[in-house]
Amino acid sequence: NMNDFYVMNNEKNKKAREIKQDLELAYYRKLYDLKVKNVKKYSKNREGV
């Protein structure tokens, strides 16, 4: 049945999209954390000067 296939495929795509969004969120959060760490490290170095 073509309809069943479409519904199944749609579910799969929805899952894939959600996973992709989670991955992107995790990636940007990681980038943000790194940036914050670098800024803290940098300002600590500046204070030492």
PDB file of N, CA and C in Angstrom:
ATOM      1  N   ASN A   1       0.845  -1.207   0.000  1.00  0.00           N
ATOM      2  CA  ASN A   1       0.000   0.000   0.000  1.00  0.00           C
ATOM      3  C   ASN A   1       0.882   1.259   0.000  1.00  0.00           C
ATOM      4  N   MET A   2       0.675   2.106  -0.960  1.00  0.00           N
ATOM      5  CA  MET A   2       1.483   3.313  -1.118  1.00  0.00           C
ATOM      6  C   MET A   2       1.310   4.241   0.084  1.00  0.00           C
ATOM      7  N   ASN A   3       0.085   4.276   0.607  1.00  0.00           N
ATOM      8  CA  ASN A   3      -0.219   5.180   1.708  1.00  0.00           C
ATOM      9  C   ASN A   3       0.559   4.804   2.966  1.00  0.00           C
ATOM     10  N   ASP A   4       0.601   3.506   3.264  1.00  0.00           N
ATOM     11  CA  ASP A   4       1.353   3.043   4.426  1.00  0.00           C
ATOM     12  C   ASP A   4       2.817   3.438   4.291  1.00  0.00           C
ATOM     13  N   PHE A   5       3.326   3.242   3.100  1.00  0.00           N
ATOM     14  CA  PHE A   5       4.723   3.580   2.844  1.00  0.00           C
ATOM     15  C   PHE A   5       4.960   5.064   3.100  1.00  0.00           C
ATOM     16  N   TYR A   6       4.030   5.880   2.614  1.00  0.00           N
ATOM     17  CA  TYR A   6       4.171   7.330   2.786  1.00  0.00           C
ATOM     18  C   TYR A   6       4.170   7.700   4.259  1.00  0.00           C
ATOM     19  N   VAL A   7       3.244   7.105   5.015  1.00  0.00           N
ATOM     20  CA  VAL A   7       3.141   7.412   6.443  1.00  0.00           C
ATOM     21  C   VAL A   7       4.408   6.975   7.166  1.00  0.00           C
ATOM     22  N   MET A   8       4.884   5.773   6.831  1.00  0.00           N
ATOM     23  CA  MET A   8       6.098   5.268   7.471  1.00  0.00           C
ATOM     24  C   MET A   8       7.274   6.193   7.172  1.00  0.00           C
ATOM     25  N   ASN A   9       7.382   6.563   5.906  1.00  0.00           N
ATOM     26  CA  ASN A   9       8.479   7.415   5.475  1.00  0.00           C
ATOM     27  C   ASN A   9       8.415   8.765   6.182  1.00  0.00           C
ATOM     28  N   ASN A  10       7.204   9.268   6.322  1.00  0.00           N
ATOM     29  CA  ASN A  10       7.005  10.551   6.977  1.00  0.00           C
ATOM     30  C   ASN A  10       7.476  10.492   8.426  1.00  0.00           C
ATOM     31  N   GLU A  11       7.124   9.408   9.105  1.00  0.00           N
ATOM     32  CA  GLU A  11       7.553   9.223  10.491  1.00  0.00           C
ATOM     33  C   GLU A  11       9.080   9.190  10.568  1.00  0.00           C
ATOM     34  N   LYS A  12       9.660   8.442   9.634  1.00  0.00           N
ATOM     35  CA  LYS A  12      11.122   8.323   9.618  1.00  0.00           C
ATOM     36  C   LYS A  12      11.773   9.687   9.418  1.00  0.00           C
ATOM     37  N   ASN A  13      11.220  10.451   8.473  1.00  0.00           N
ATOM     38  CA  ASN A  13      11.773  11.781   8.200  1.00  0.00           C
ATOM     39  C   ASN A  13      11.638  12.690   9.405  1.00  0.00           C
ATOM     40  N   LYS A  14      10.515  12.574  10.104  1.00  0.00           N
ATOM     41  CA  LYS A  14      10.297  13.403  11.287  1.00  0.00           C
ATOM     42  C   LYS A  14      11.356  13.085  12.335  1.00  0.00           C
ATOM     43  N   LYS A  15      11.575  11.796  12.547  1.00  0.00           N
ATOM     44  CA  LYS A  15      12.605  11.359  13.500  1.00  0.00           C
ATOM     45  C   LYS A  15      13.965  11.910  13.092  1.00  0.00           C
ATOM     46  N   ALA A  16      14.285  11.765  11.817  1.00  0.00           N
ATOM     47  CA  ALA A  16      15.585  12.212  11.317  1.00  0.00           C
ATOM     48  C   ALA A  16      15.743  13.715  11.547  1.00  0.00           C
ATOM     49  N   ARG A  17      14.676  14.470  11.298  1.00  0.00           N
ATOM     50  CA  ARG A  17      14.740  15.915  11.499  1.00  0.00           C
ATOM     51  C   ARG A  17      14.964  16.246  12.967  1.00  0.00           C
ATOM     52  N   GLU A  18      14.264  15.519  13.842  1.00  0.00           N
ATOM     53  CA  GLU A  18      14.431  15.791  15.271  1.00  0.00           C
ATOM     54  C   GLU A  18      15.851  15.485  15.710  1.00  0.00           C
ATOM     55  N   ILE A  19      16.382  14.362  15.223  1.00  0.00           N
ATOM     56  CA  ILE A  19      17.756  13.993  15.571  1.00  0.00           C
ATOM     57  C   ILE A  19      18.720  15.063  15.077  1.00  0.00           C
ATOM     58  N   LYS A  20      18.486  15.517  13.847  1.00  0.00           N
ATOM     59  CA  LYS A  20      19.357  16.540  13.274  1.00  0.00           C
ATOM     60  C   LYS A  20      19.318  17.811  14.122  1.00  0.00           C
ATOM     61  N   GLN A  21      18.118  18.205  14.549  1.00  0.00           N
ATOM     62  CA  GLN A  21      17.993  19.407  15.371  1.00  0.00           C
ATOM     63  C   GLN A  21      18.735  19.234  16.695  1.00  0.00           C
ATOM     64  N   ASP A  22      18.587  18.045  17.297  1.00  0.00           N
ATOM     65  CA  ASP A  22      19.292  17.784  18.554  1.00  0.00           C
ATOM     66  C   ASP A  22      20.792  17.894  18.358  1.00  0.00           C
ATOM     67  N   LEU A  23      21.273  17.320  17.259  1.00  0.00           N
ATOM     68  CA  LEU A  23      22.710  17.361  16.991  1.00  0.00           C
ATOM     69  C   LEU A  23      23.185  18.791  16.796  1.00  0.00           C
ATOM     70  N   GLU A  24      22.399  19.567  16.044  1.00  0.00           N
ATOM     71  CA  GLU A  24      22.801  20.954  15.808  1.00  0.00           C
ATOM     72  C   GLU A  24      22.806  21.742  17.108  1.00  0.00           C
ATOM     73  N   LEU A  25      21.795  21.516  17.939  1.00  0.00           N
ATOM     74  CA  LEU A  25      21.737  22.196  19.230  1.00  0.00           C
ATOM     75  C   LEU A  25      22.953  21.838  20.067  1.00  0.00           C
ATOM     76  N   ALA A  26      23.274  20.558  20.118  1.00  0.00           N
ATOM     77  CA  ALA A  26      24.423  20.109  20.906  1.00  0.00           C
ATOM     78  C   ALA A  26      25.698  20.745  20.384  1.00  0.00           C
ATOM     79  N   TYR A  27      25.805  20.818  19.043  1.00  0.00           N
ATOM     80  CA  TYR A  27      26.992  21.384  18.412  1.00  0.00           C
ATOM     81  C   TYR A  27      27.142  22.858  18.764  1.00  0.00           C
ATOM     82  N   TYR A  28      26.044  23.614  18.649  1.00  0.00           N
ATOM     83  CA  TYR A  28      26.136  25.043  18.942  1.00  0.00           C
ATOM     84  C   TYR A  28      26.387  25.289  20.423  1.00  0.00           C
ATOM     85  N   ARG A  29      25.814  24.438  21.272  1.00  0.00           N
ATOM     86  CA  ARG A  29      26.049  24.576  22.705  1.00  0.00           C
ATOM     87  C   ARG A  29      27.519  24.351  23.015  1.00  0.00           C
ATOM     88  N   LYS A  30      28.105  23.357  22.341  1.00  0.00           N
ATOM     89  CA  LYS A  30      29.523  23.063  22.532  1.00  0.00           C
ATOM     90  C   LYS A  30      30.374  24.244  22.092  1.00  0.00           C
ATOM     91  N   LEU A  31      30.054  24.781  20.915  1.00  0.00           N
ATOM     92  CA  LEU A  31      30.788  25.950  20.414  1.00  0.00           C
ATOM     93  C   LEU A  31      30.702  27.094  21.406  1.00  0.00           C
ATOM     94  N   TYR A  32      29.483  27.313  21.923  1.00  0.00           N
ATOM     95  CA  TYR A  32      29.265  28.411  22.854  1.00  0.00           C
ATOM     96  C   TYR A  32      30.086  28.205  24.117  1.00  0.00           C
ATOM     97  N   ASP A  33      30.074  26.968  24.637  1.00  0.00           N
ATOM     98  CA  ASP A  33      30.866  26.665  25.830  1.00  0.00           C
ATOM     99  C   ASP A  33      32.336  26.940  25.584  1.00  0.00           C
ATOM    100  N   LEU A  34      32.836  26.510  24.432  1.00  0.00           N
ATOM    101  CA  LEU A  34      34.246  26.734  24.109  1.00  0.00           C
ATOM    102  C   LEU A  34      34.548  28.219  24.075  1.00  0.00           C
ATOM    103  N   LYS A  35      33.641  28.983  23.469  1.00  0.00           N
ATOM    104  CA  LYS A  35      33.854  30.417  23.362  1.00  0.00           C
ATOM    105  C   LYS A  35      33.920  31.041  24.749  1.00  0.00           C
ATOM    106  N   VAL A  36      32.982  30.648  25.608  1.00  0.00           N
ATOM    107  CA  VAL A  36      32.937  31.193  26.963  1.00  0.00           C
ATOM    108  C   VAL A  36      34.215  30.843  27.718  1.00  0.00           C
ATOM    109  N   LYS A  37      34.657  29.593  27.570  1.00  0.00           N
ATOM    110  CA  LYS A  37      35.886  29.174  28.236  1.00  0.00           C
ATOM    111  C   LYS A  37      37.065  29.997  27.753  1.00  0.00           C
ATOM    112  N   ASN A  38      37.135  30.195  26.440  1.00  0.00           N
ATOM    113  CA  ASN A  38      38.247  30.964  25.874  1.00  0.00           C
ATOM    114  C   ASN A  38      38.222  32.399  26.372  1.00  0.00           C
ATOM    115  N   VAL A  39      37.035  32.978  26.454  1.00  0.00           N
ATOM    116  CA  VAL A  39      36.920  34.354  26.929  1.00  0.00           C
ATOM    117  C   VAL A  39      37.380  34.442  28.374  1.00  0.00           C
ATOM    118  N   LYS A  40      36.959  33.484  29.190  1.00  0.00           N
ATOM    119  CA  LYS A  40      37.378  33.488  30.595  1.00  0.00           C
ATOM    120  C   LYS A  40      38.886  33.341  30.702  1.00  0.00           C
ATOM    121  N   LYS A  41      39.438  32.410  29.909  1.00  0.00           N
ATOM    122  CA  LYS A  41      40.876  32.185  29.927  1.00  0.00           C
ATOM    123  C   LYS A  41      41.595  33.461  29.504  1.00  0.00           C
ATOM    124  N   TYR A  42      41.074  34.084  28.459  1.00  0.00           N
ATOM    125  CA  TYR A  42      41.694  35.292  27.927  1.00  0.00           C
ATOM    126  C   TYR A  42      41.670  36.412  28.955  1.00  0.00           C
ATOM    127  N   SER A  43      40.516  36.621  29.591  1.00  0.00           N
ATOM    128  CA  SER A  43      40.433  37.724  30.549  1.00  0.00           C
ATOM    129  C   SER A  43      41.284  37.428  31.785  1.00  0.00           C
ATOM    130  N   LYS A  44      41.434  36.154  32.124  1.00  0.00           N
ATOM    131  CA  LYS A  44      42.303  35.806  33.246  1.00  0.00           C
ATOM    132  C   LYS A  44      43.742  36.166  32.906  1.00  0.00           C
ATOM    133  N   ASN A  45      44.152  35.866  31.677  1.00  0.00           N
ATOM    134  CA  ASN A  45      45.496  36.194  31.241  1.00  0.00           C
ATOM    135  C   ASN A  45      45.729  37.694  31.248  1.00  0.00           C
ATOM    136  N   ARG A  46      44.720  38.449  30.850  1.00  0.00           N
ATOM    137  CA  ARG A  46      44.842  39.899  30.812  1.00  0.00           C
ATOM    138  C   ARG A  46      45.054  40.458  32.220  1.00  0.00           C
ATOM    139  N   GLU A  47      44.309  39.891  33.189  1.00  0.00           N
ATOM    140  CA  GLU A  47      44.438  40.380  34.565  1.00  0.00           C
ATOM    141  C   GLU A  47      45.837  40.125  35.098  1.00  0.00           C
ATOM    142  N   GLY A  48      46.440  38.992  34.652  1.00  0.00           N
ATOM    143  CA  GLY A  48      47.764  38.640  35.140  1.00  0.00           C
ATOM    144  C   GLY A  48      48.828  39.596  34.640  1.00  0.00           C
ATOM    145  N   VAL A  49      48.560  40.272  33.546  1.00  0.00           N
ATOM    146  CA  VAL A  49      49.565  41.153  32.933  1.00  0.00           C
ATOM    147  C   VAL A  49      49.743  42.408  33.766  1.00  0.00           C
TER     148      VAL A  49
END
